[in-house]
Amino acid sequence: MITAQILTDIITAAGLSPRHFDIKATLAAITAHNEDEGTEAQVDIETATEWLDETGTQGTGYQLCPWLAAA
């Protein structure tokens, strides 16, 4: 299960501030997806990171996805 702490850990490990991302909205999107798709199609960490990246305040560029891919 993906939690706020996991998302916060990803952000801080990438050297960024959690204040610049909407963790609550990302968790809501994950929950909605998991409820719609059932347990067979749970959101993976890569997808969750992409969704989290899309909530960032640093413009349209992805910051977390490239970091996660390199890690």
PDB file of N, CA and C in Angstrom:
ATOM      1  N   MET A   1       0.831  -1.172   0.000  1.00  0.00           N
ATOM      2  CA  MET A   1       0.000   0.000   0.000  1.00  0.00           C
ATOM      3  C   MET A   1       0.880   1.241   0.000  1.00  0.00           C
ATOM      4  N   ILE A   2       0.540   2.182  -0.838  1.00  0.00           N
ATOM      5  CA  ILE A   2       1.282   3.435  -0.930  1.00  0.00           C
ATOM      6  C   ILE A   2       0.697   4.424   0.072  1.00  0.00           C
ATOM      7  N   THR A   3       1.562   4.975   0.907  1.00  0.00           N
ATOM      8  CA  THR A   3       1.124   5.881   1.971  1.00  0.00           C
ATOM      9  C   THR A   3       1.734   7.264   1.776  1.00  0.00           C
ATOM     10  N   ALA A   4       1.239   8.205   2.563  1.00  0.00           N
ATOM     11  CA  ALA A   4       1.798   9.562   2.536  1.00  0.00           C
ATOM     12  C   ALA A   4       3.273   9.532   2.915  1.00  0.00           C
ATOM     13  N   GLN A   5       3.637   8.684   3.843  1.00  0.00           N
ATOM     14  CA  GLN A   5       5.040   8.594   4.264  1.00  0.00           C
ATOM     15  C   GLN A   5       5.931   8.109   3.125  1.00  0.00           C
ATOM     16  N   ILE A   6       5.462   7.140   2.360  1.00  0.00           N
ATOM     17  CA  ILE A   6       6.239   6.644   1.214  1.00  0.00           C
ATOM     18  C   ILE A   6       6.429   7.758   0.192  1.00  0.00           C
ATOM     19  N   LEU A   7       5.364   8.497  -0.102  1.00  0.00           N
ATOM     20  CA  LEU A   7       5.469   9.593  -1.066  1.00  0.00           C
ATOM     21  C   LEU A   7       6.398  10.684  -0.545  1.00  0.00           C
ATOM     22  N   THR A   8       6.308  10.996   0.737  1.00  0.00           N
ATOM     23  CA  THR A   8       7.199  11.984   1.341  1.00  0.00           C
ATOM     24  C   THR A   8       8.644  11.517   1.271  1.00  0.00           C
ATOM     25  N   ASP A   9       8.883  10.246   1.532  1.00  0.00           N
ATOM     26  CA  ASP A   9      10.241   9.694   1.464  1.00  0.00           C
ATOM     27  C   ASP A   9      10.816   9.798   0.053  1.00  0.00           C
ATOM     28  N   ILE A  10       9.996   9.550  -0.958  1.00  0.00           N
ATOM     29  CA  ILE A  10      10.452   9.665  -2.348  1.00  0.00           C
ATOM     30  C   ILE A  10      10.853  11.106  -2.653  1.00  0.00           C
ATOM     31  N   ILE A  11      10.015  12.035  -2.238  1.00  0.00           N
ATOM     32  CA  ILE A  11      10.285  13.453  -2.491  1.00  0.00           C
ATOM     33  C   ILE A  11      11.584  13.885  -1.812  1.00  0.00           C
ATOM     34  N   THR A  12      11.727  13.552  -0.545  1.00  0.00           N
ATOM     35  CA  THR A  12      12.917  14.004   0.192  1.00  0.00           C
ATOM     36  C   THR A  12      14.175  13.286  -0.288  1.00  0.00           C
ATOM     37  N   ALA A  13      14.052  12.028  -0.677  1.00  0.00           N
ATOM     38  CA  ALA A  13      15.218  11.304  -1.203  1.00  0.00           C
ATOM     39  C   ALA A  13      15.691  11.909  -2.526  1.00  0.00           C
ATOM     40  N   ALA A  14      14.760  12.504  -3.263  1.00  0.00           N
ATOM     41  CA  ALA A  14      15.118  13.166  -4.518  1.00  0.00           C
ATOM     42  C   ALA A  14      15.681  14.564  -4.271  1.00  0.00           C
ATOM     43  N   GLY A  15      15.739  14.967  -2.999  1.00  0.00           N
ATOM     44  CA  GLY A  15      16.296  16.264  -2.648  1.00  0.00           C
ATOM     45  C   GLY A  15      15.322  17.423  -2.826  1.00  0.00           C
ATOM     46  N   LEU A  16      14.024  17.118  -2.798  1.00  0.00           N
ATOM     47  CA  LEU A  16      12.999  18.140  -2.988  1.00  0.00           C
ATOM     48  C   LEU A  16      12.175  18.291  -1.724  1.00  0.00           C
ATOM     49  N   SER A  17      11.313  19.289  -1.695  1.00  0.00           N
ATOM     50  CA  SER A  17      10.491  19.555  -0.520  1.00  0.00           C
ATOM     51  C   SER A  17       9.070  19.028  -0.723  1.00  0.00           C
ATOM     52  N   PRO A  18       8.542  18.293   0.249  1.00  0.00           N
ATOM     53  CA  PRO A  18       7.160  17.820   0.156  1.00  0.00           C
ATOM     54  C   PRO A  18       6.144  18.954   0.029  1.00  0.00           C
ATOM     55  N   ARG A  19       6.509  20.149   0.458  1.00  0.00           N
ATOM     56  CA  ARG A  19       5.596  21.296   0.347  1.00  0.00           C
ATOM     57  C   ARG A  19       5.276  21.647  -1.096  1.00  0.00           C
ATOM     58  N   HIS A  20       6.104  21.191  -2.019  1.00  0.00           N
ATOM     59  CA  HIS A  20       5.926  21.537  -3.427  1.00  0.00           C
ATOM     60  C   HIS A  20       5.090  20.512  -4.196  1.00  0.00           C
ATOM     61  N   PHE A  21       4.516  19.553  -3.489  1.00  0.00           N
ATOM     62  CA  PHE A  21       3.716  18.508  -4.120  1.00  0.00           C
ATOM     63  C   PHE A  21       2.419  18.320  -3.342  1.00  0.00           C
ATOM     64  N   ASP A  22       1.380  17.893  -4.032  1.00  0.00           N
ATOM     65  CA  ASP A  22       0.080  17.685  -3.393  1.00  0.00           C
ATOM     66  C   ASP A  22      -0.078  16.194  -3.067  1.00  0.00           C
ATOM     67  N   ILE A  23       0.440  15.816  -1.917  1.00  0.00           N
ATOM     68  CA  ILE A  23       0.404  14.413  -1.497  1.00  0.00           C
ATOM     69  C   ILE A  23      -1.029  13.957  -1.281  1.00  0.00           C
ATOM     70  N   LYS A  24      -1.849  14.810  -0.700  1.00  0.00           N
ATOM     71  CA  LYS A  24      -3.242  14.454  -0.426  1.00  0.00           C
ATOM     72  C   LYS A  24      -4.001  14.150  -1.725  1.00  0.00           C
ATOM     73  N   ALA A  25      -3.819  14.987  -2.738  1.00  0.00           N
ATOM     74  CA  ALA A  25      -4.500  14.756  -4.023  1.00  0.00           C
ATOM     75  C   ALA A  25      -3.989  13.483  -4.692  1.00  0.00           C
ATOM     76  N   THR A  26      -2.703  13.217  -4.552  1.00  0.00           N
ATOM     77  CA  THR A  26      -2.134  12.006  -5.138  1.00  0.00           C
ATOM     78  C   THR A  26      -2.708  10.774  -4.464  1.00  0.00           C
ATOM     79  N   LEU A  27      -2.795  10.787  -3.137  1.00  0.00           N
ATOM     80  CA  LEU A  27      -3.379   9.652  -2.418  1.00  0.00           C
ATOM     81  C   LEU A  27      -4.850   9.464  -2.784  1.00  0.00           C
ATOM     82  N   ALA A  28      -5.570  10.563  -2.979  1.00  0.00           N
ATOM     83  CA  ALA A  28      -6.976  10.472  -3.382  1.00  0.00           C
ATOM     84  C   ALA A  28      -7.091   9.832  -4.765  1.00  0.00           C
ATOM     85  N   ALA A  29      -6.205  10.193  -5.676  1.00  0.00           N
ATOM     86  CA  ALA A  29      -6.217   9.597  -7.020  1.00  0.00           C
ATOM     87  C   ALA A  29      -5.893   8.110  -6.966  1.00  0.00           C
ATOM     88  N   ILE A  30      -4.946   7.745  -6.123  1.00  0.00           N
ATOM     89  CA  ILE A  30      -4.576   6.333  -5.963  1.00  0.00           C
ATOM     90  C   ILE A  30      -5.757   5.549  -5.401  1.00  0.00           C
ATOM     91  N   THR A  31      -6.397   6.085  -4.372  1.00  0.00           N
ATOM     92  CA  THR A  31      -7.547   5.415  -3.757  1.00  0.00           C
ATOM     93  C   THR A  31      -8.676   5.256  -4.764  1.00  0.00           C
ATOM     94  N   ALA A  32      -8.976   6.309  -5.505  1.00  0.00           N
ATOM     95  CA  ALA A  32     -10.051   6.242  -6.499  1.00  0.00           C
ATOM     96  C   ALA A  32      -9.746   5.197  -7.561  1.00  0.00           C
ATOM     97  N   HIS A  33      -8.520   5.169  -8.031  1.00  0.00           N
ATOM     98  CA  HIS A  33      -8.131   4.190  -9.042  1.00  0.00           C
ATOM     99  C   HIS A  33      -8.243   2.774  -8.504  1.00  0.00           C
ATOM    100  N   ASN A  34      -7.725   2.556  -7.309  1.00  0.00           N
ATOM    101  CA  ASN A  34      -7.755   1.217  -6.718  1.00  0.00           C
ATOM    102  C   ASN A  34      -9.187   0.742  -6.473  1.00  0.00           C
ATOM    103  N   GLU A  35     -10.064   1.652  -6.090  1.00  0.00           N
ATOM    104  CA  GLU A  35     -11.460   1.280  -5.862  1.00  0.00           C
ATOM    105  C   GLU A  35     -12.167   0.963  -7.179  1.00  0.00           C
ATOM    106  N   ASP A  36     -11.836   1.707  -8.231  1.00  0.00           N
ATOM    107  CA  ASP A  36     -12.441   1.470  -9.541  1.00  0.00           C
ATOM    108  C   ASP A  36     -11.942   0.180 -10.178  1.00  0.00           C
ATOM    109  N   GLU A  37     -10.670  -0.096 -10.019  1.00  0.00           N
ATOM    110  CA  GLU A  37     -10.054  -1.227 -10.698  1.00  0.00           C
ATOM    111  C   GLU A  37     -10.019  -2.509  -9.881  1.00  0.00           C
ATOM    112  N   GLY A  38     -10.244  -2.428  -8.593  1.00  0.00           N
ATOM    113  CA  GLY A  38     -10.170  -3.610  -7.751  1.00  0.00           C
ATOM    114  C   GLY A  38      -8.734  -3.944  -7.387  1.00  0.00           C
ATOM    115  N   THR A  39      -8.551  -5.000  -6.667  1.00  0.00           N
ATOM    116  CA  THR A  39      -7.230  -5.355  -6.154  1.00  0.00           C
ATOM    117  C   THR A  39      -6.284  -5.883  -7.229  1.00  0.00           C
ATOM    118  N   GLU A  40      -6.795  -6.258  -8.388  1.00  0.00           N
ATOM    119  CA  GLU A  40      -5.929  -6.793  -9.443  1.00  0.00           C
ATOM    120  C   GLU A  40      -5.110  -5.707 -10.133  1.00  0.00           C
ATOM    121  N   ALA A  41      -5.526  -4.460 -10.029  1.00  0.00           N
ATOM    122  CA  ALA A  41      -4.853  -3.381 -10.749  1.00  0.00           C
ATOM    123  C   ALA A  41      -4.431  -2.264  -9.802  1.00  0.00           C
ATOM    124  N   GLN A  42      -3.836  -2.632  -8.692  1.00  0.00           N
ATOM    125  CA  GLN A  42      -3.373  -1.624  -7.734  1.00  0.00           C
ATOM    126  C   GLN A  42      -2.310  -0.736  -8.380  1.00  0.00           C
ATOM    127  N   VAL A  43      -2.292   0.522  -7.985  1.00  0.00           N
ATOM    128  CA  VAL A  43      -1.310   1.473  -8.494  1.00  0.00           C
ATOM    129  C   VAL A  43       0.076   1.070  -8.000  1.00  0.00           C
ATOM    130  N   ASP A  44       1.043   1.039  -8.917  1.00  0.00           N
ATOM    131  CA  ASP A  44       2.411   0.720  -8.532  1.00  0.00           C
ATOM    132  C   ASP A  44       3.157   2.008  -8.174  1.00  0.00           C
ATOM    133  N   ILE A  45       4.334   1.862  -7.635  1.00  0.00           N
ATOM    134  CA  ILE A  45       5.082   3.018  -7.139  1.00  0.00           C
ATOM    135  C   ILE A  45       5.489   3.955  -8.279  1.00  0.00           C
ATOM    136  N   GLU A  46       5.769   3.412  -9.459  1.00  0.00           N
ATOM    137  CA  GLU A  46       6.138   4.249 -10.592  1.00  0.00           C
ATOM    138  C   GLU A  46       4.974   5.152 -11.013  1.00  0.00           C
ATOM    139  N   THR A  47       3.776   4.574 -11.090  1.00  0.00           N
ATOM    140  CA  THR A  47       2.594   5.357 -11.450  1.00  0.00           C
ATOM    141  C   THR A  47       2.287   6.389 -10.382  1.00  0.00           C
ATOM    142  N   ALA A  48       2.373   5.986  -9.128  1.00  0.00           N
ATOM    143  CA  ALA A  48       2.119   6.921  -8.027  1.00  0.00           C
ATOM    144  C   ALA A  48       3.104   8.085  -8.076  1.00  0.00           C
ATOM    145  N   THR A  49       4.359   7.796  -8.383  1.00  0.00           N
ATOM    146  CA  THR A  49       5.371   8.847  -8.468  1.00  0.00           C
ATOM    147  C   THR A  49       5.076   9.785  -9.629  1.00  0.00           C
ATOM    148  N   GLU A  50       4.628   9.241 -10.757  1.00  0.00           N
ATOM    149  CA  GLU A  50       4.270  10.076 -11.899  1.00  0.00           C
ATOM    150  C   GLU A  50       3.105  11.002 -11.535  1.00  0.00           C
ATOM    151  N   TRP A  51       2.080  10.449 -10.900  1.00  0.00           N
ATOM    152  CA  TRP A  51       0.933  11.259 -10.487  1.00  0.00           C
ATOM    153  C   TRP A  51       1.357  12.330  -9.489  1.00  0.00           C
ATOM    154  N   LEU A  52       2.225  11.967  -8.552  1.00  0.00           N
ATOM    155  CA  LEU A  52       2.735  12.927  -7.579  1.00  0.00           C
ATOM    156  C   LEU A  52       3.509  14.031  -8.292  1.00  0.00           C
ATOM    157  N   ASP A  53       4.334  13.643  -9.250  1.00  0.00           N
ATOM    158  CA  ASP A  53       5.114  14.603 -10.025  1.00  0.00           C
ATOM    159  C   ASP A  53       4.205  15.610 -10.722  1.00  0.00           C
ATOM    160  N   GLU A  54       3.055  15.164 -11.192  1.00  0.00           N
ATOM    161  CA  GLU A  54       2.123  16.040 -11.902  1.00  0.00           C
ATOM    162  C   GLU A  54       1.491  17.078 -10.982  1.00  0.00           C
ATOM    163  N   THR A  55       1.576  16.887  -9.665  1.00  0.00           N
ATOM    164  CA  THR A  55       1.033  17.868  -8.719  1.00  0.00           C
ATOM    165  C   THR A  55       2.073  18.891  -8.287  1.00  0.00           C
ATOM    166  N   GLY A  56       3.304  18.733  -8.736  1.00  0.00           N
ATOM    167  CA  GLY A  56       4.394  19.612  -8.323  1.00  0.00           C
ATOM    168  C   GLY A  56       4.185  21.047  -8.761  1.00  0.00           C
ATOM    169  N   THR A  57       4.782  21.948  -8.036  1.00  0.00           N
ATOM    170  CA  THR A  57       4.647  23.376  -8.310  1.00  0.00           C
ATOM    171  C   THR A  57       5.819  23.922  -9.119  1.00  0.00           C
ATOM    172  N   GLN A  58       6.682  23.065  -9.577  1.00  0.00           N
ATOM    173  CA  GLN A  58       7.893  23.513 -10.270  1.00  0.00           C
ATOM    174  C   GLN A  58       7.735  23.522 -11.785  1.00  0.00           C
ATOM    175  N   GLY A  59       6.557  23.794 -12.280  1.00  0.00           N
ATOM    176  CA  GLY A  59       6.336  23.843 -13.721  1.00  0.00           C
ATOM    177  C   GLY A  59       5.861  22.511 -14.256  1.00  0.00           C
ATOM    178  N   THR A  60       6.018  22.324 -15.548  1.00  0.00           N
ATOM    179  CA  THR A  60       5.469  21.141 -16.195  1.00  0.00           C
ATOM    180  C   THR A  60       6.454  19.984 -16.289  1.00  0.00           C
ATOM    181  N   GLY A  61       7.711  20.210 -15.964  1.00  0.00           N
ATOM    182  CA  GLY A  61       8.711  19.156 -16.070  1.00  0.00           C
ATOM    183  C   GLY A  61       8.636  18.157 -14.926  1.00  0.00           C
ATOM    184  N   TYR A  62       8.929  16.913 -15.235  1.00  0.00           N
ATOM    185  CA  TYR A  62       8.959  15.885 -14.204  1.00  0.00           C
ATOM    186  C   TYR A  62      10.268  15.971 -13.430  1.00  0.00           C
ATOM    187  N   GLN A  63      10.170  15.907 -12.115  1.00  0.00           N
ATOM    188  CA  GLN A  63      11.345  15.969 -11.261  1.00  0.00           C
ATOM    189  C   GLN A  63      11.601  14.651 -10.552  1.00  0.00           C
ATOM    190  N   LEU A  64      10.522  13.958 -10.181  1.00  0.00           N
ATOM    191  CA  LEU A  64      10.663  12.731  -9.399  1.00  0.00           C
ATOM    192  C   LEU A  64      10.846  11.505 -10.272  1.00  0.00           C
ATOM    193  N   CYS A  65      10.153  11.437 -11.387  1.00  0.00           N
ATOM    194  CA  CYS A  65      10.221  10.252 -12.249  1.00  0.00           C
ATOM    195  C   CYS A  65      11.639   9.966 -12.741  1.00  0.00           C
ATOM    196  N   PRO A  66      12.377  10.981 -13.237  1.00  0.00           N
ATOM    197  CA  PRO A  66      13.756  10.707 -13.645  1.00  0.00           C
ATOM    198  C   PRO A  66      14.629  10.240 -12.472  1.00  0.00           C
ATOM    199  N   TRP A  67      14.381  10.828 -11.297  1.00  0.00           N
ATOM    200  CA  TRP A  67      15.143  10.407 -10.119  1.00  0.00           C
ATOM    201  C   TRP A  67      14.836   8.964  -9.770  1.00  0.00           C
ATOM    202  N   LEU A  68      13.552   8.591  -9.789  1.00  0.00           N
ATOM    203  CA  LEU A  68      13.155   7.225  -9.445  1.00  0.00           C
ATOM    204  C   LEU A  68      13.737   6.230 -10.442  1.00  0.00           C
ATOM    205  N   ALA A  69      13.742   6.576 -11.710  1.00  0.00           N
ATOM    206  CA  ALA A  69      14.274   5.682 -12.735  1.00  0.00           C
ATOM    207  C   ALA A  69      15.774   5.466 -12.550  1.00  0.00           C
ATOM    208  N   ALA A  70      16.468   6.487 -12.079  1.00  0.00           N
ATOM    209  CA  ALA A  70      17.922   6.391 -11.886  1.00  0.00           C
ATOM    210  C   ALA A  70      18.283   5.691 -10.586  1.00  0.00           C
ATOM    211  N   ALA A  71      17.354   5.667  -9.641  1.00  0.00           N
ATOM    212  CA  ALA A  71      17.641   5.091  -8.318  1.00  0.00           C
ATOM    213  C   ALA A  71      17.708   3.585  -8.347  1.00  0.00           C
TER     214      ALA A  71
END
